C-alpha atoms as a PDB file:
ATOM      1  CA  MET A   1       0.000   0.000   0.000  1.00  0.00           C
ATOM      2  CA  GLU A   2       2.819   2.401   0.790  1.00  0.00           C
ATOM      3  CA  LYS A   3       4.393   1.763  -2.625  1.00  0.00           C
ATOM      4  CA  GLN A   4       1.094   2.554  -4.319  1.00  0.00           C
ATOM      5  CA  GLN A   5       0.436   5.538  -2.026  1.00  0.00           C
ATOM      6  CA  LYS A   6      -3.109   4.249  -1.698  1.00  0.00           C
ATOM      7  CA  GLY A   7      -5.025   1.720   0.331  1.00  0.00           C
ATOM      8  CA  SER A   8      -7.796   1.101   2.783  1.00  0.00           C
ATOM      9  CA  ILE A   9      -7.897  -0.939   5.957  1.00  0.00           C
ATOM     10  CA  VAL A  10     -11.239  -1.612   7.608  1.00  0.00           C
ATOM     11  CA  ASN A  11     -11.007  -3.036  11.118  1.00  0.00           C
ATOM     12  CA  ILE A  12     -13.911  -4.632  12.940  1.00  0.00           C
ATOM     13  CA  SER A  13     -14.330  -3.658  16.571  1.00  0.00           C
ATOM     14  CA  SER A  14     -17.595  -3.816  18.539  1.00  0.00           C
ATOM     15  CA  TYR A  15     -20.079  -1.465  20.108  1.00  0.00           C
ATOM     16  CA  THR A  16     -18.913  -2.872  23.443  1.00  0.00           C
ATOM     17  CA  ALA A  17     -15.644  -0.946  22.959  1.00  0.00           C
ATOM     18  CA  GLN A  18     -17.680   2.231  23.309  1.00  0.00           C
ATOM     19  CA  VAL A  19     -20.079   1.355  26.112  1.00  0.00           C
ATOM     20  CA  GLY A  20     -18.681  -1.671  27.941  1.00  0.00           C
ATOM     21  CA  MET A  21     -21.027  -4.504  28.732  1.00  0.00           C
ATOM     22  CA  GLY A  22     -19.372  -6.405  31.534  1.00  0.00           C
ATOM     23  CA  LEU A  23     -17.535  -8.565  29.008  1.00  0.00           C
ATOM     24  CA  ASN A  24     -14.114  -7.456  30.194  1.00  0.00           C
ATOM     25  CA  ALA A  25     -11.747  -9.496  27.994  1.00  0.00           C
ATOM     26  CA  TYR A  26     -13.900  -9.111  24.879  1.00  0.00           C
ATOM     27  CA  THR A  27     -14.450  -5.393  25.484  1.00  0.00           C
ATOM     28  CA  ALA A  28     -10.739  -4.814  26.120  1.00  0.00           C
ATOM     29  CA  SER A  29      -9.751  -6.590  22.911  1.00  0.00           C
ATOM     30  CA  LYS A  30     -12.259  -4.569  20.887  1.00  0.00           C
ATOM     31  CA  GLY A  31     -11.049  -1.395  22.597  1.00  0.00           C
ATOM     32  CA  ALA A  32      -7.547  -2.274  21.413  1.00  0.00           C
ATOM     33  CA  VAL A  33      -8.857  -2.528  17.841  1.00  0.00           C
ATOM     34  CA  ARG A  34     -10.368   0.925  18.292  1.00  0.00           C
ATOM     35  CA  ALA A  35      -7.088   2.417  19.515  1.00  0.00           C
ATOM     36  CA  ILE A  36      -4.922   0.718  16.901  1.00  0.00           C
ATOM     37  CA  SER A  37      -7.237   1.928  14.139  1.00  0.00           C
ATOM     38  CA  LYS A  38      -6.868   5.550  15.249  1.00  0.00           C
ATOM     39  CA  ALA A  39      -3.093   5.214  15.642  1.00  0.00           C
ATOM     40  CA  ALA A  40      -2.703   3.586  12.222  1.00  0.00           C
ATOM     41  CA  ALA A  41      -4.876   6.263  10.564  1.00  0.00           C
ATOM     42  CA  ALA A  42      -2.596   8.952  11.967  1.00  0.00           C
ATOM     43  CA  GLN A  43       0.598   7.076  11.154  1.00  0.00           C
ATOM     44  CA  PHE A  44      -0.182   5.964   7.611  1.00  0.00           C
ATOM     45  CA  GLY A  45      -2.363   8.777   6.305  1.00  0.00           C
ATOM     46  CA  HIS A  46       0.647  10.535   4.787  1.00  0.00           C
ATOM     47  CA  SER A  47       1.166   7.396   2.681  1.00  0.00           C
ATOM     48  CA  GLY A  48      -2.380   7.564   1.311  1.00  0.00           C
ATOM     49  CA  ILE A  49      -3.513   4.651   3.464  1.00  0.00           C
ATOM     50  CA  ARG A  50      -6.893   5.071   5.112  1.00  0.00           C
ATOM     51  CA  VAL A  51      -7.730   3.154   8.288  1.00  0.00           C
ATOM     52  CA  ASN A  52     -11.244   3.035   9.684  1.00  0.00           C
ATOM     53  CA  ALA A  53     -13.162   0.889  12.140  1.00  0.00           C
ATOM     54  CA  LEU A  54     -16.645  -0.567  12.210  1.00  0.00           C
ATOM     55  CA  PHE A  55     -18.470  -1.030  15.503  1.00  0.00           C
ATOM     56  CA  PRO A  56     -21.203  -3.626  14.986  1.00  0.00           C
ATOM     57  CA  GLY A  57     -23.939  -4.094  17.523  1.00  0.00           C
ATOM     58  CA  ILE A  58     -25.752  -7.368  17.915  1.00  0.00           C
ATOM     59  CA  ILE A  59     -25.629  -9.016  14.518  1.00  0.00           C
ATOM     60  CA  ASN A  60     -27.543 -12.143  13.541  1.00  0.00           C
ATOM     61  CA  THR A  61     -24.575 -14.534  13.297  1.00  0.00           C
ATOM     62  CA  PRO A  62     -23.627 -17.900  14.788  1.00  0.00           C
ATOM     63  CA  MET A  63     -21.912 -15.975  17.607  1.00  0.00           C
ATOM     64  CA  THR A  64     -25.231 -14.489  18.714  1.00  0.00           C
ATOM     65  CA  LYS A  65     -27.398 -17.594  18.193  1.00  0.00           C
ATOM     66  CA  GLY A  66     -27.130 -18.312  21.929  1.00  0.00           C
ATOM     67  CA  LEU A  67     -29.240 -15.228  22.592  1.00  0.00           C
ATOM     68  CA  GLU A  68     -32.204 -16.972  20.981  1.00  0.00           C
ATOM     69  CA  THR A  69     -32.130 -19.699  23.627  1.00  0.00           C
ATOM     70  CA  SER A  70     -32.317 -17.035  26.311  1.00  0.00           C
ATOM     71  CA  GLY A  71     -35.337 -15.141  25.074  1.00  0.00           C
ATOM     72  CA  GLN A  72     -35.307 -12.776  28.049  1.00  0.00           C
ATOM     73  CA  VAL A  73     -31.770 -11.525  27.305  1.00  0.00           C
ATOM     74  CA  LEU A  74     -32.613 -11.054  23.636  1.00  0.00           C
ATOM     75  CA  GLU A  75     -35.821  -9.206  24.516  1.00  0.00           C
ATOM     76  CA  GLN A  76     -33.918  -6.869  26.851  1.00  0.00           C
ATOM     77  CA  LEU A  77     -31.285  -6.099  24.234  1.00  0.00           C
ATOM     78  CA  LEU A  78     -33.879  -5.458  21.547  1.00  0.00           C
ATOM     79  CA  ALA A  79     -35.822  -3.211  23.937  1.00  0.00           C
ATOM     80  CA  MET A  80     -32.669  -1.075  24.311  1.00  0.00           C
ATOM     81  CA  THR A  81     -32.196  -0.920  20.527  1.00  0.00           C
ATOM     82  CA  PRO A  82     -34.230   1.847  18.869  1.00  0.00           C
ATOM     83  CA  LEU A  83     -34.587  -0.101  15.603  1.00  0.00           C
ATOM     84  CA  GLN A  84     -35.901  -3.103  17.606  1.00  0.00           C
ATOM     85  CA  ARG A  85     -34.105  -5.800  15.619  1.00  0.00           C
ATOM     86  CA  LEU A  86     -30.815  -7.593  15.242  1.00  0.00           C
ATOM     87  CA  GLY A  87     -28.474  -6.408  12.541  1.00  0.00           C
ATOM     88  CA  GLU A  88     -27.723  -8.626   9.579  1.00  0.00           C
ATOM     89  CA  PRO A  89     -24.267  -9.499   8.255  1.00  0.00           C
ATOM     90  CA  GLU A  90     -25.095  -7.544   5.098  1.00  0.00           C
ATOM     91  CA  ASP A  91     -25.424  -4.380   7.201  1.00  0.00           C
ATOM     92  CA  ILE A  92     -21.782  -4.705   8.178  1.00  0.00           C
ATOM     93  CA  ALA A  93     -20.605  -5.847   4.753  1.00  0.00           C
ATOM     94  CA  LYS A  94     -22.135  -2.825   3.013  1.00  0.00           C
ATOM     95  CA  ALA A  95     -20.497  -0.427   5.478  1.00  0.00           C
ATOM     96  CA  ALA A  96     -17.131  -2.155   5.023  1.00  0.00           C
ATOM     97  CA  LEU A  97     -17.522  -1.959   1.248  1.00  0.00           C
ATOM     98  CA  TYR A  98     -18.152   1.780   1.464  1.00  0.00           C
ATOM     99  CA  LEU A  99     -15.118   2.395   3.685  1.00  0.00           C
ATOM    100  CA  ALA A 100     -12.906   0.279   1.421  1.00  0.00           C
ATOM    101  CA  SER A 101     -14.108   2.056  -1.722  1.00  0.00           C
ATOM    102  CA  ASP A 102     -12.898   5.233  -3.394  1.00  0.00           C
ATOM    103  CA  ASP A 103     -16.239   6.789  -2.366  1.00  0.00           C
ATOM    104  CA  ALA A 104     -14.649   7.110   1.098  1.00  0.00           C
ATOM    105  CA  SER A 105     -11.417   8.618  -0.215  1.00  0.00           C
ATOM    106  CA  PHE A 106     -11.432  11.376   2.436  1.00  0.00           C
ATOM    107  CA  VAL A 107     -12.467   9.145   5.340  1.00  0.00           C
ATOM    108  CA  THR A 108      -9.800   7.938   7.750  1.00  0.00           C
ATOM    109  CA  GLY A 109      -9.740   7.457  11.497  1.00  0.00           C
ATOM    110  CA  ALA A 110     -13.523   7.141  11.454  1.00  0.00           C
ATOM    111  CA  GLU A 111     -15.612   5.008  13.758  1.00  0.00           C
ATOM    112  CA  LEU A 112     -18.817   3.821  12.124  1.00  0.00           C
ATOM    113  CA  VAL A 113     -21.267   2.400  14.642  1.00  0.00           C
ATOM    114  CA  ILE A 114     -23.778  -0.032  13.150  1.00  0.00           C
ATOM    115  CA  ASP A 115     -25.910  -1.036  16.114  1.00  0.00           C
ATOM    116  CA  GLY A 116     -29.505  -0.088  15.400  1.00  0.00           C
ATOM    117  CA  GLY A 117     -29.131   2.910  17.689  1.00  0.00           C
ATOM    118  CA  PHE A 118     -28.144   0.977  20.833  1.00  0.00           C
ATOM    119  CA  THR A 119     -25.339   3.366  21.751  1.00  0.00           C
ATOM    120  CA  ALA A 120     -27.414   6.448  20.932  1.00  0.00           C
ATOM    121  CA  HIS A 121     -28.854   6.541  24.437  1.00  0.00           C
END
């Protein structure tokens, strides 16, 4: 990327890096992704390399399937989510595609939260 003076890195963090959730190890690791994304954006911007991070909320994936078995936990999380639904993998993929594209040529160091509004309150 440095040779080409152009490139895009899209890191995946988590909304828990912004609000915590009592998941200490997971939250800390996602917080590290957040920090490294900012540091890399500052360090490599002069080389034309953009670095951004996505912060997914609860996305309908195998990782979150366990929430379905505990209906009460899922209901509570959805009640705290203004859009009242789980996100879909496509929601994240489309955001990543935008950040990786030339349409985002002036976007670096950004944090794009895709959580149905969970962190808005």
